[in-house]
Amino acid sequence: MKRYPVIALYLCFMAVSSCNPQVKKMPEKEIQAKADSIVKERITNIDEQAAEDLEKRITIEVKAKADSIIAVRMNGVPPDTIIPQQDVAETPEALFRARKKKLQHDTLRR
């Protein structure tokens, strides 16, 4: 029981000491300057990362593009753009017509 007043006094002291009236406020220009420096640093990092990614991707993608151009020059049609022949019954239009016909047939039966 004797501890409660000590604890209450300690909590009051902590509350009063945390309310420091001498709070330092940063001027608007300092805030803007700090934000600009952070943004500039991040943009620099992003640019460096983008340059590294570009160097990695160029070596991969240029070869594929060059192979595609050579295939067009040699054969007239690149091998990756040849569309395999579809069965007429498997085209989306044919499937749609078949389903529509089936639905009409089912509704007439009722």
PDB file of N, CA and C in Angstrom:
ATOM      1  N   MET A   1       0.805  -1.195   0.000  1.00  0.00           N
ATOM      2  CA  MET A   1       0.000   0.000   0.000  1.00  0.00           C
ATOM      3  C   MET A   1       0.852   1.264   0.000  1.00  0.00           C
ATOM      4  N   LYS A   2       2.014   1.165   0.629  1.00  0.00           N
ATOM      5  CA  LYS A   2       2.862   2.343   0.693  1.00  0.00           C
ATOM      6  C   LYS A   2       3.509   2.637  -0.656  1.00  0.00           C
ATOM      7  N   ARG A   3       3.485   1.700  -1.552  1.00  0.00           N
ATOM      8  CA  ARG A   3       4.127   1.896  -2.857  1.00  0.00           C
ATOM      9  C   ARG A   3       3.252   2.710  -3.811  1.00  0.00           C
ATOM     10  N   TYR A   4       1.970   2.702  -3.655  1.00  0.00           N
ATOM     11  CA  TYR A   4       1.081   3.382  -4.579  1.00  0.00           C
ATOM     12  C   TYR A   4       1.349   4.880  -4.663  1.00  0.00           C
ATOM     13  N   PRO A   5       1.539   5.582  -3.575  1.00  0.00           N
ATOM     14  CA  PRO A   5       1.844   7.004  -3.696  1.00  0.00           C
ATOM     15  C   PRO A   5       3.187   7.242  -4.417  1.00  0.00           C
ATOM     16  N   VAL A   6       4.160   6.373  -4.203  1.00  0.00           N
ATOM     17  CA  VAL A   6       5.463   6.532  -4.861  1.00  0.00           C
ATOM     18  C   VAL A   6       5.310   6.309  -6.363  1.00  0.00           C
ATOM     19  N   ILE A   7       4.548   5.304  -6.721  1.00  0.00           N
ATOM     20  CA  ILE A   7       4.325   5.020  -8.144  1.00  0.00           C
ATOM     21  C   ILE A   7       3.547   6.155  -8.794  1.00  0.00           C
ATOM     22  N   ALA A   8       2.537   6.676  -8.107  1.00  0.00           N
ATOM     23  CA  ALA A   8       1.742   7.781  -8.635  1.00  0.00           C
ATOM     24  C   ALA A   8       2.609   9.023  -8.798  1.00  0.00           C
ATOM     25  N   LEU A   9       3.477   9.295  -7.823  1.00  0.00           N
ATOM     26  CA  LEU A   9       4.374  10.445  -7.906  1.00  0.00           C
ATOM     27  C   LEU A   9       5.344  10.274  -9.073  1.00  0.00           C
ATOM     28  N   TYR A  10       5.863   9.097  -9.263  1.00  0.00           N
ATOM     29  CA  TYR A  10       6.799   8.818 -10.354  1.00  0.00           C
ATOM     30  C   TYR A  10       6.100   9.016 -11.699  1.00  0.00           C
ATOM     31  N   LEU A  11       4.857   8.538 -11.857  1.00  0.00           N
ATOM     32  CA  LEU A  11       4.117   8.692 -13.096  1.00  0.00           C
ATOM     33  C   LEU A  11       3.819  10.159 -13.395  1.00  0.00           C
ATOM     34  N   CYS A  12       3.499  10.944 -12.339  1.00  0.00           N
ATOM     35  CA  CYS A  12       3.266  12.374 -12.528  1.00  0.00           C
ATOM     36  C   CYS A  12       4.533  13.076 -12.988  1.00  0.00           C
ATOM     37  N   PHE A  13       5.656  12.714 -12.401  1.00  0.00           N
ATOM     38  CA  PHE A  13       6.943  13.299 -12.779  1.00  0.00           C
ATOM     39  C   PHE A  13       7.259  12.977 -14.237  1.00  0.00           C
ATOM     40  N   MET A  14       7.023  11.742 -14.652  1.00  0.00           N
ATOM     41  CA  MET A  14       7.299  11.335 -16.035  1.00  0.00           C
ATOM     42  C   MET A  14       6.383  12.076 -17.010  1.00  0.00           C
ATOM     43  N   ALA A  15       5.126  12.276 -16.630  1.00  0.00           N
ATOM     44  CA  ALA A  15       4.184  12.980 -17.488  1.00  0.00           C
ATOM     45  C   ALA A  15       4.582  14.433 -17.659  1.00  0.00           C
ATOM     46  N   VAL A  16       5.004  15.070 -16.563  1.00  0.00           N
ATOM     47  CA  VAL A  16       5.402  16.483 -16.622  1.00  0.00           C
ATOM     48  C   VAL A  16       6.699  16.631 -17.413  1.00  0.00           C
ATOM     49  N   SER A  17       7.644  15.719 -17.226  1.00  0.00           N
ATOM     50  CA  SER A  17       8.929  15.841 -17.916  1.00  0.00           C
ATOM     51  C   SER A  17       8.800  15.530 -19.397  1.00  0.00           C
ATOM     52  N   SER A  18       7.813  14.745 -19.786  1.00  0.00           N
ATOM     53  CA  SER A  18       7.644  14.443 -21.205  1.00  0.00           C
ATOM     54  C   SER A  18       7.006  15.606 -21.956  1.00  0.00           C
ATOM     55  N   CYS A  19       6.355  16.505 -21.264  1.00  0.00           N
ATOM     56  CA  CYS A  19       5.735  17.667 -21.890  1.00  0.00           C
ATOM     57  C   CYS A  19       6.754  18.797 -21.951  1.00  0.00           C
ATOM     58  N   ASN A  20       7.770  18.617 -22.746  1.00  0.00           N
ATOM     59  CA  ASN A  20       8.841  19.611 -22.853  1.00  0.00           C
ATOM     60  C   ASN A  20       8.354  20.779 -23.710  1.00  0.00           C
ATOM     61  N   PRO A  21       8.324  21.997 -23.156  1.00  0.00           N
ATOM     62  CA  PRO A  21       7.842  23.141 -23.926  1.00  0.00           C
ATOM     63  C   PRO A  21       8.853  23.598 -24.975  1.00  0.00           C
ATOM     64  N   GLN A  22      10.071  23.127 -24.943  1.00  0.00           N
ATOM     65  CA  GLN A  22      11.104  23.573 -25.870  1.00  0.00           C
ATOM     66  C   GLN A  22      11.243  22.597 -27.043  1.00  0.00           C
ATOM     67  N   VAL A  23      10.133  22.370 -27.737  1.00  0.00           N
ATOM     68  CA  VAL A  23      10.140  21.479 -28.880  1.00  0.00           C
ATOM     69  C   VAL A  23      10.732  22.233 -30.066  1.00  0.00           C
ATOM     70  N   LYS A  24      11.728  21.618 -30.681  1.00  0.00           N
ATOM     71  CA  LYS A  24      12.382  22.258 -31.816  1.00  0.00           C
ATOM     72  C   LYS A  24      11.577  21.949 -33.075  1.00  0.00           C
ATOM     73  N   LYS A  25      11.129  23.009 -33.718  1.00  0.00           N
ATOM     74  CA  LYS A  25      10.372  22.850 -34.949  1.00  0.00           C
ATOM     75  C   LYS A  25      11.276  23.191 -36.129  1.00  0.00           C
ATOM     76  N   MET A  26      11.246  22.307 -37.127  1.00  0.00           N
ATOM     77  CA  MET A  26      12.071  22.539 -38.308  1.00  0.00           C
ATOM     78  C   MET A  26      11.338  23.496 -39.247  1.00  0.00           C
ATOM     79  N   PRO A  27      12.052  24.453 -39.793  1.00  0.00           N
ATOM     80  CA  PRO A  27      11.417  25.341 -40.781  1.00  0.00           C
ATOM     81  C   PRO A  27      11.058  24.571 -42.055  1.00  0.00           C
ATOM     82  N   GLU A  28      10.149  25.134 -42.801  1.00  0.00           N
ATOM     83  CA  GLU A  28       9.665  24.498 -44.030  1.00  0.00           C
ATOM     84  C   GLU A  28      10.801  24.252 -45.024  1.00  0.00           C
ATOM     85  N   LYS A  29      11.728  25.187 -45.117  1.00  0.00           N
ATOM     86  CA  LYS A  29      12.826  25.026 -46.079  1.00  0.00           C
ATOM     87  C   LYS A  29      13.741  23.860 -45.698  1.00  0.00           C
ATOM     88  N   GLU A  30      13.969  23.666 -44.407  1.00  0.00           N
ATOM     89  CA  GLU A  30      14.818  22.553 -43.973  1.00  0.00           C
ATOM     90  C   GLU A  30      14.141  21.215 -44.255  1.00  0.00           C
ATOM     91  N   ILE A  31      12.840  21.163 -44.022  1.00  0.00           N
ATOM     92  CA  ILE A  31      12.097  19.938 -44.309  1.00  0.00           C
ATOM     93  C   ILE A  31      12.166  19.622 -45.799  1.00  0.00           C
ATOM     94  N   GLN A  32      11.967  20.653 -46.624  1.00  0.00           N
ATOM     95  CA  GLN A  32      12.006  20.465 -48.075  1.00  0.00           C
ATOM     96  C   GLN A  32      13.398  20.044 -48.531  1.00  0.00           C
ATOM     97  N   ALA A  33      14.442  20.651 -47.953  1.00  0.00           N
ATOM     98  CA  ALA A  33      15.812  20.297 -48.324  1.00  0.00           C
ATOM     99  C   ALA A  33      16.129  18.849 -47.946  1.00  0.00           C
ATOM    100  N   LYS A  34      15.682  18.428 -46.766  1.00  0.00           N
ATOM    101  CA  LYS A  34      15.916  17.053 -46.327  1.00  0.00           C
ATOM    102  C   LYS A  34      15.169  16.070 -47.232  1.00  0.00           C
ATOM    103  N   ALA A  35      13.929  16.396 -47.559  1.00  0.00           N
ATOM    104  CA  ALA A  35      13.146  15.525 -48.448  1.00  0.00           C
ATOM    105  C   ALA A  35      13.797  15.445 -49.826  1.00  0.00           C
ATOM    106  N   ASP A  36      14.267  16.582 -50.336  1.00  0.00           N
ATOM    107  CA  ASP A  36      14.915  16.590 -51.644  1.00  0.00           C
ATOM    108  C   ASP A  36      16.188  15.744 -51.656  1.00  0.00           C
ATOM    109  N   SER A  37      16.955  15.805 -50.581  1.00  0.00           N
ATOM    110  CA  SER A  37      18.182  15.016 -50.538  1.00  0.00           C
ATOM    111  C   SER A  37      17.878  13.518 -50.484  1.00  0.00           C
ATOM    112  N   ILE A  38      16.842  13.141 -49.750  1.00  0.00           N
ATOM    113  CA  ILE A  38      16.450  11.725 -49.688  1.00  0.00           C
ATOM    114  C   ILE A  38      15.970  11.253 -51.065  1.00  0.00           C
ATOM    115  N   VAL A  39      15.146  12.065 -51.719  1.00  0.00           N
ATOM    116  CA  VAL A  39      14.620  11.704 -53.033  1.00  0.00           C
ATOM    117  C   VAL A  39      15.756  11.610 -54.051  1.00  0.00           C
ATOM    118  N   LYS A  40      16.686  12.549 -54.001  1.00  0.00           N
ATOM    119  CA  LYS A  40      17.814  12.543 -54.940  1.00  0.00           C
ATOM    120  C   LYS A  40      18.645  11.276 -54.771  1.00  0.00           C
ATOM    121  N   GLU A  41      18.895  10.876 -53.528  1.00  0.00           N
ATOM    122  CA  GLU A  41      19.669   9.669 -53.254  1.00  0.00           C
ATOM    123  C   GLU A  41      18.949   8.429 -53.776  1.00  0.00           C
ATOM    124  N   ARG A  42      17.651   8.363 -53.544  1.00  0.00           N
ATOM    125  CA  ARG A  42      16.880   7.194 -54.000  1.00  0.00           C
ATOM    126  C   ARG A  42      16.803   7.141 -55.517  1.00  0.00           C
ATOM    127  N   ILE A  43      16.644   8.295 -56.153  1.00  0.00           N
ATOM    128  CA  ILE A  43      16.590   8.322 -57.623  1.00  0.00           C
ATOM    129  C   ILE A  43      17.917   7.856 -58.199  1.00  0.00           C
ATOM    130  N   THR A  44      19.012   8.274 -57.585  1.00  0.00           N
ATOM    131  CA  THR A  44      20.331   7.828 -58.034  1.00  0.00           C
ATOM    132  C   THR A  44      20.451   6.314 -57.915  1.00  0.00           C
ATOM    133  N   ASN A  45      20.004   5.754 -56.791  1.00  0.00           N
ATOM    134  CA  ASN A  45      20.048   4.300 -56.605  1.00  0.00           C
ATOM    135  C   ASN A  45      19.180   3.576 -57.623  1.00  0.00           C
ATOM    136  N   ILE A  46      18.002   4.115 -57.891  1.00  0.00           N
ATOM    137  CA  ILE A  46      17.097   3.501 -58.858  1.00  0.00           C
ATOM    138  C   ILE A  46      17.709   3.551 -60.258  1.00  0.00           C
ATOM    139  N   ASP A  47      18.320   4.686 -60.615  1.00  0.00           N
ATOM    140  CA  ASP A  47      18.963   4.797 -61.921  1.00  0.00           C
ATOM    141  C   ASP A  47      20.105   3.802 -62.074  1.00  0.00           C
ATOM    142  N   GLU A  48      20.899   3.633 -61.025  1.00  0.00           N
ATOM    143  CA  GLU A  48      22.001   2.668 -61.082  1.00  0.00           C
ATOM    144  C   GLU A  48      21.470   1.251 -61.245  1.00  0.00           C
ATOM    145  N   GLN A  49      20.416   0.905 -60.504  1.00  0.00           N
ATOM    146  CA  GLN A  49      19.828  -0.423 -60.607  1.00  0.00           C
ATOM    147  C   GLN A  49      19.238  -0.646 -61.993  1.00  0.00           C
ATOM    148  N   ALA A  50      18.601   0.383 -62.550  1.00  0.00           N
ATOM    149  CA  ALA A  50      18.017   0.259 -63.883  1.00  0.00           C
ATOM    150  C   ALA A  50      19.105   0.053 -64.932  1.00  0.00           C
ATOM    151  N   ALA A  51      20.231   0.741 -64.789  1.00  0.00           N
ATOM    152  CA  ALA A  51      21.341   0.570 -65.734  1.00  0.00           C
ATOM    153  C   ALA A  51      21.901  -0.850 -65.651  1.00  0.00           C
ATOM    154  N   GLU A  52      22.020  -1.388 -64.436  1.00  0.00           N
ATOM    155  CA  GLU A  52      22.505  -2.769 -64.281  1.00  0.00           C
ATOM    156  C   GLU A  52      21.530  -3.760 -64.917  1.00  0.00           C
ATOM    157  N   ASP A  53      20.231  -3.573 -64.669  1.00  0.00           N
ATOM    158  CA  ASP A  53      19.225  -4.457 -65.238  1.00  0.00           C
ATOM    159  C   ASP A  53      19.232  -4.380 -66.768  1.00  0.00           C
ATOM    160  N   LEU A  54      19.423  -3.178 -67.296  1.00  0.00           N
ATOM    161  CA  LEU A  54      19.464  -2.995 -68.741  1.00  0.00           C
ATOM    162  C   LEU A  54      20.631  -3.761 -69.344  1.00  0.00           C
ATOM    163  N   GLU A  55      21.791  -3.677 -68.728  1.00  0.00           N
ATOM    164  CA  GLU A  55      22.961  -4.391 -69.239  1.00  0.00           C
ATOM    165  C   GLU A  55      22.732  -5.895 -69.241  1.00  0.00           C
ATOM    166  N   LYS A  56      22.094  -6.402 -68.191  1.00  0.00           N
ATOM    167  CA  LYS A  56      21.813  -7.843 -68.126  1.00  0.00           C
ATOM    168  C   LYS A  56      20.808  -8.255 -69.192  1.00  0.00           C
ATOM    169  N   ARG A  57      19.754  -7.461 -69.351  1.00  0.00           N
ATOM    170  CA  ARG A  57      18.689  -7.822 -70.275  1.00  0.00           C
ATOM    171  C   ARG A  57      19.107  -7.644 -71.731  1.00  0.00           C
ATOM    172  N   ILE A  58      19.951  -6.667 -72.010  1.00  0.00           N
ATOM    173  CA  ILE A  58      20.365  -6.428 -73.394  1.00  0.00           C
ATOM    174  C   ILE A  58      21.057  -7.658 -73.955  1.00  0.00           C
ATOM    175  N   THR A  59      21.948  -8.261 -73.166  1.00  0.00           N
ATOM    176  CA  THR A  59      22.677  -9.420 -73.671  1.00  0.00           C
ATOM    177  C   THR A  59      21.740 -10.583 -73.978  1.00  0.00           C
ATOM    178  N   ILE A  60      20.661 -10.698 -73.232  1.00  0.00           N
ATOM    179  CA  ILE A  60      19.709 -11.785 -73.453  1.00  0.00           C
ATOM    180  C   ILE A  60      18.748 -11.459 -74.599  1.00  0.00           C
ATOM    181  N   GLU A  61      18.159 -10.283 -74.562  1.00  0.00           N
ATOM    182  CA  GLU A  61      17.102  -9.947 -75.496  1.00  0.00           C
ATOM    183  C   GLU A  61      17.611  -9.599 -76.888  1.00  0.00           C
ATOM    184  N   VAL A  62      18.797  -9.024 -76.985  1.00  0.00           N
ATOM    185  CA  VAL A  62      19.317  -8.664 -78.301  1.00  0.00           C
ATOM    186  C   VAL A  62      19.588  -9.918 -79.117  1.00  0.00           C
ATOM    187  N   LYS A  63      20.105 -10.940 -78.471  1.00  0.00           N
ATOM    188  CA  LYS A  63      20.370 -12.192 -79.187  1.00  0.00           C
ATOM    189  C   LYS A  63      19.077 -12.791 -79.722  1.00  0.00           C
ATOM    190  N   ALA A  64      18.048 -12.815 -78.908  1.00  0.00           N
ATOM    191  CA  ALA A  64      16.758 -13.359 -79.351  1.00  0.00           C
ATOM    192  C   ALA A  64      16.172 -12.522 -80.486  1.00  0.00           C
ATOM    193  N   LYS A  65      16.277 -11.220 -80.385  1.00  0.00           N
ATOM    194  CA  LYS A  65      15.751 -10.333 -81.422  1.00  0.00           C
ATOM    195  C   LYS A  65      16.534 -10.508 -82.718  1.00  0.00           C
ATOM    196  N   ALA A  66      17.861 -10.622 -82.601  1.00  0.00           N
ATOM    197  CA  ALA A  66      18.693 -10.819 -83.792  1.00  0.00           C
ATOM    198  C   ALA A  66      18.340 -12.140 -84.460  1.00  0.00           C
ATOM    199  N   ASP A  67      18.135 -13.198 -83.672  1.00  0.00           N
ATOM    200  CA  ASP A  67      17.743 -14.489 -84.241  1.00  0.00           C
ATOM    201  C   ASP A  67      16.404 -14.384 -84.955  1.00  0.00           C
ATOM    202  N   SER A  68      15.494 -13.629 -84.392  1.00  0.00           N
ATOM    203  CA  SER A  68      14.182 -13.439 -85.005  1.00  0.00           C
ATOM    204  C   SER A  68      14.311 -12.699 -86.333  1.00  0.00           C
ATOM    205  N   ILE A  69      15.126 -11.668 -86.381  1.00  0.00           N
ATOM    206  CA  ILE A  69      15.313 -10.891 -87.607  1.00  0.00           C
ATOM    207  C   ILE A  69      15.965 -11.758 -88.678  1.00  0.00           C
ATOM    208  N   ILE A  70      16.953 -12.550 -88.296  1.00  0.00           N
ATOM    209  CA  ILE A  70      17.615 -13.442 -89.247  1.00  0.00           C
ATOM    210  C   ILE A  70      16.627 -14.464 -89.791  1.00  0.00           C
ATOM    211  N   ALA A  71      15.772 -15.004 -88.933  1.00  0.00           N
ATOM    212  CA  ALA A  71      14.775 -15.977 -89.379  1.00  0.00           C
ATOM    213  C   ALA A  71      13.812 -15.355 -90.377  1.00  0.00           C
ATOM    214  N   VAL A  72      13.427 -14.118 -90.163  1.00  0.00           N
ATOM    215  CA  VAL A  72      12.524 -13.429 -91.084  1.00  0.00           C
ATOM    216  C   VAL A  72      13.208 -13.229 -92.419  1.00  0.00           C
ATOM    217  N   ARG A  73      14.474 -12.827 -92.379  1.00  0.00           N
ATOM    218  CA  ARG A  73      15.211 -12.615 -93.628  1.00  0.00           C
ATOM    219  C   ARG A  73      15.412 -13.911 -94.407  1.00  0.00           C
ATOM    220  N   MET A  74      15.671 -14.989 -93.695  1.00  0.00           N
ATOM    221  CA  MET A  74      15.945 -16.264 -94.355  1.00  0.00           C
ATOM    222  C   MET A  74      14.669 -16.941 -94.853  1.00  0.00           C
ATOM    223  N   ASN A  75      13.651 -17.023 -94.001  1.00  0.00           N
ATOM    224  CA  ASN A  75      12.455 -17.803 -94.313  1.00  0.00           C
ATOM    225  C   ASN A  75      11.245 -16.961 -94.667  1.00  0.00           C
ATOM    226  N   GLY A  76      11.244 -15.740 -94.286  1.00  0.00           N
ATOM    227  CA  GLY A  76      10.092 -14.892 -94.532  1.00  0.00           C
ATOM    228  C   GLY A  76       9.127 -14.848 -93.364  1.00  0.00           C
ATOM    229  N   VAL A  77       9.118 -15.873 -92.529  1.00  0.00           N
ATOM    230  CA  VAL A  77       8.238 -15.915 -91.360  1.00  0.00           C
ATOM    231  C   VAL A  77       9.043 -16.459 -90.190  1.00  0.00           C
ATOM    232  N   PRO A  78       9.091 -15.731 -89.080  1.00  0.00           N
ATOM    233  CA  PRO A  78       9.839 -16.249 -87.931  1.00  0.00           C
ATOM    234  C   PRO A  78       9.161 -17.493 -87.368  1.00  0.00           C
ATOM    235  N   PRO A  79       9.947 -18.437 -86.875  1.00  0.00           N
ATOM    236  CA  PRO A  79       9.358 -19.695 -86.395  1.00  0.00           C
ATOM    237  C   PRO A  79       8.450 -19.546 -85.192  1.00  0.00           C
ATOM    238  N   ASP A  80       8.640 -18.506 -84.386  1.00  0.00           N
ATOM    239  CA  ASP A  80       7.801 -18.378 -83.193  1.00  0.00           C
ATOM    240  C   ASP A  80       6.460 -17.717 -83.478  1.00  0.00           C
ATOM    241  N   THR A  81       6.242 -17.246 -84.722  1.00  0.00           N
ATOM    242  CA  THR A  81       4.957 -16.615 -85.034  1.00  0.00           C
ATOM    243  C   THR A  81       4.080 -17.490 -85.916  1.00  0.00           C
ATOM    244  N   ILE A  82       4.539 -18.691 -86.230  1.00  0.00           N
ATOM    245  CA  ILE A  82       3.720 -19.598 -87.032  1.00  0.00           C
ATOM    246  C   ILE A  82       2.572 -20.108 -86.162  1.00  0.00           C
ATOM    247  N   ILE A  83       1.373 -19.930 -86.658  1.00  0.00           N
ATOM    248  CA  ILE A  83       0.190 -20.351 -85.912  1.00  0.00           C
ATOM    249  C   ILE A  83      -0.196 -21.735 -86.416  1.00  0.00           C
ATOM    250  N   PRO A  84      -0.257 -22.710 -85.528  1.00  0.00           N
ATOM    251  CA  PRO A  84      -0.642 -24.052 -85.978  1.00  0.00           C
ATOM    252  C   PRO A  84      -2.092 -24.058 -86.443  1.00  0.00           C
ATOM    253  N   GLN A  85      -2.382 -24.900 -87.419  1.00  0.00           N
ATOM    254  CA  GLN A  85      -3.739 -25.007 -87.946  1.00  0.00           C
ATOM    255  C   GLN A  85      -4.647 -25.603 -86.887  1.00  0.00           C
ATOM    256  N   GLN A  86      -5.767 -24.961 -86.684  1.00  0.00           N
ATOM    257  CA  GLN A  86      -6.734 -25.464 -85.721  1.00  0.00           C
ATOM    258  C   GLN A  86      -7.797 -26.264 -86.449  1.00  0.00           C
ATOM    259  N   ASP A  87      -8.316 -27.217 -85.754  1.00  0.00           N
ATOM    260  CA  ASP A  87      -9.447 -27.955 -86.289  1.00  0.00           C
ATOM    261  C   ASP A  87     -10.642 -27.005 -86.307  1.00  0.00           C
ATOM    262  N   VAL A  88     -11.433 -27.083 -87.361  1.00  0.00           N
ATOM    263  CA  VAL A  88     -12.552 -26.157 -87.517  1.00  0.00           C
ATOM    264  C   VAL A  88     -13.533 -26.278 -86.363  1.00  0.00           C
ATOM    265  N   ALA A  89     -13.679 -27.477 -85.824  1.00  0.00           N
ATOM    266  CA  ALA A  89     -14.633 -27.684 -84.737  1.00  0.00           C
ATOM    267  C   ALA A  89     -14.139 -27.100 -83.417  1.00  0.00           C
ATOM    268  N   GLU A  90     -12.847 -26.768 -83.317  1.00  0.00           N
ATOM    269  CA  GLU A  90     -12.303 -26.260 -82.063  1.00  0.00           C
ATOM    270  C   GLU A  90     -12.170 -24.742 -82.026  1.00  0.00           C
ATOM    271  N   THR A  91     -12.528 -24.045 -83.072  1.00  0.00           N
ATOM    272  CA  THR A  91     -12.424 -22.599 -83.052  1.00  0.00           C
ATOM    273  C   THR A  91     -13.456 -22.039 -82.087  1.00  0.00           C
ATOM    274  N   PRO A  92     -13.195 -20.878 -81.509  1.00  0.00           N
ATOM    275  CA  PRO A  92     -14.143 -20.300 -80.541  1.00  0.00           C
ATOM    276  C   PRO A  92     -15.527 -20.052 -81.138  1.00  0.00           C
ATOM    277  N   GLU A  93     -15.554 -19.642 -82.423  1.00  0.00           N
ATOM    278  CA  GLU A  93     -16.856 -19.385 -83.047  1.00  0.00           C
ATOM    279  C   GLU A  93     -17.660 -20.679 -83.173  1.00  0.00           C
ATOM    280  N   ALA A  94     -16.972 -21.754 -83.570  1.00  0.00           N
ATOM    281  CA  ALA A  94     -17.667 -23.034 -83.722  1.00  0.00           C
ATOM    282  C   ALA A  94     -18.156 -23.542 -82.373  1.00  0.00           C
ATOM    283  N   LEU A  95     -17.341 -23.394 -81.343  1.00  0.00           N
ATOM    284  CA  LEU A  95     -17.759 -23.816 -79.999  1.00  0.00           C
ATOM    285  C   LEU A  95     -18.954 -23.013 -79.517  1.00  0.00           C
ATOM    286  N   PHE A  96     -18.937 -21.700 -79.803  1.00  0.00           N
ATOM    287  CA  PHE A  96     -20.049 -20.839 -79.406  1.00  0.00           C
ATOM    288  C   PHE A  96     -21.340 -21.257 -80.118  1.00  0.00           C
ATOM    289  N   ARG A  97     -21.237 -21.506 -81.435  1.00  0.00           N
ATOM    290  CA  ARG A  97     -22.420 -21.911 -82.187  1.00  0.00           C
ATOM    291  C   ARG A  97     -22.969 -23.243 -81.685  1.00  0.00           C
ATOM    292  N   ALA A  98     -22.069 -24.192 -81.395  1.00  0.00           N
ATOM    293  CA  ALA A  98     -22.510 -25.498 -80.909  1.00  0.00           C
ATOM    294  C   ALA A  98     -23.212 -25.371 -79.563  1.00  0.00           C
ATOM    295  N   ARG A  99     -22.658 -24.536 -78.678  1.00  0.00           N
ATOM    296  CA  ARG A  99     -23.281 -24.358 -77.354  1.00  0.00           C
ATOM    297  C   ARG A  99     -24.643 -23.673 -77.492  1.00  0.00           C
ATOM    298  N   LYS A 100     -24.707 -22.668 -78.372  1.00  0.00           N
ATOM    299  CA  LYS A 100     -25.960 -21.956 -78.576  1.00  0.00           C
ATOM    300  C   LYS A 100     -27.027 -22.902 -79.137  1.00  0.00           C
ATOM    301  N   LYS A 101     -26.618 -23.737 -80.069  1.00  0.00           N
ATOM    302  CA  LYS A 101     -27.556 -24.698 -80.649  1.00  0.00           C
ATOM    303  C   LYS A 101     -28.047 -25.681 -79.592  1.00  0.00           C
ATOM    304  N   LYS A 102     -27.132 -26.136 -78.732  1.00  0.00           N
ATOM    305  CA  LYS A 102     -27.503 -27.076 -77.676  1.00  0.00           C
ATOM    306  C   LYS A 102     -28.476 -26.423 -76.696  1.00  0.00           C
ATOM    307  N   LEU A 103     -28.232 -25.165 -76.338  1.00  0.00           N
ATOM    308  CA  LEU A 103     -29.135 -24.471 -75.427  1.00  0.00           C
ATOM    309  C   LEU A 103     -30.518 -24.292 -76.048  1.00  0.00           C
ATOM    310  N   GLN A 104     -30.556 -23.968 -77.334  1.00  0.00           N
ATOM    311  CA  GLN A 104     -31.846 -23.825 -78.003  1.00  0.00           C
ATOM    312  C   GLN A 104     -32.583 -25.164 -78.030  1.00  0.00           C
ATOM    313  N   HIS A 105     -31.854 -26.215 -78.311  1.00  0.00           N
ATOM    314  CA  HIS A 105     -32.458 -27.542 -78.353  1.00  0.00           C
ATOM    315  C   HIS A 105     -33.012 -27.937 -76.968  1.00  0.00           C
ATOM    316  N   ASP A 106     -32.234 -27.619 -75.918  1.00  0.00           N
ATOM    317  CA  ASP A 106     -32.673 -27.944 -74.550  1.00  0.00           C
ATOM    318  C   ASP A 106     -33.904 -27.158 -74.154  1.00  0.00           C
ATOM    319  N   THR A 107     -33.990 -25.901 -74.559  1.00  0.00           N
ATOM    320  CA  THR A 107     -35.160 -25.088 -74.189  1.00  0.00           C
ATOM    321  C   THR A 107     -36.387 -25.515 -74.957  1.00  0.00           C
ATOM    322  N   LEU A 108     -36.218 -26.013 -76.194  1.00  0.00           N
ATOM    323  CA  LEU A 108     -37.367 -26.482 -76.981  1.00  0.00           C
ATOM    324  C   LEU A 108     -37.912 -27.789 -76.412  1.00  0.00           C
ATOM    325  N   ARG A 109     -37.056 -28.598 -75.818  1.00  0.00           N
ATOM    326  CA  ARG A 109     -37.491 -29.871 -75.257  1.00  0.00           C
ATOM    327  C   ARG A 109     -38.377 -29.663 -74.042  1.00  0.00           C
ATOM    328  N   ARG A 110     -38.263 -28.605 -73.364  1.00  0.00           N
ATOM    329  CA  ARG A 110     -39.037 -28.373 -72.137  1.00  0.00           C
ATOM    330  C   ARG A 110     -40.404 -28.005 -72.428  1.00  0.00           C
TER     331      ARG A 110
END
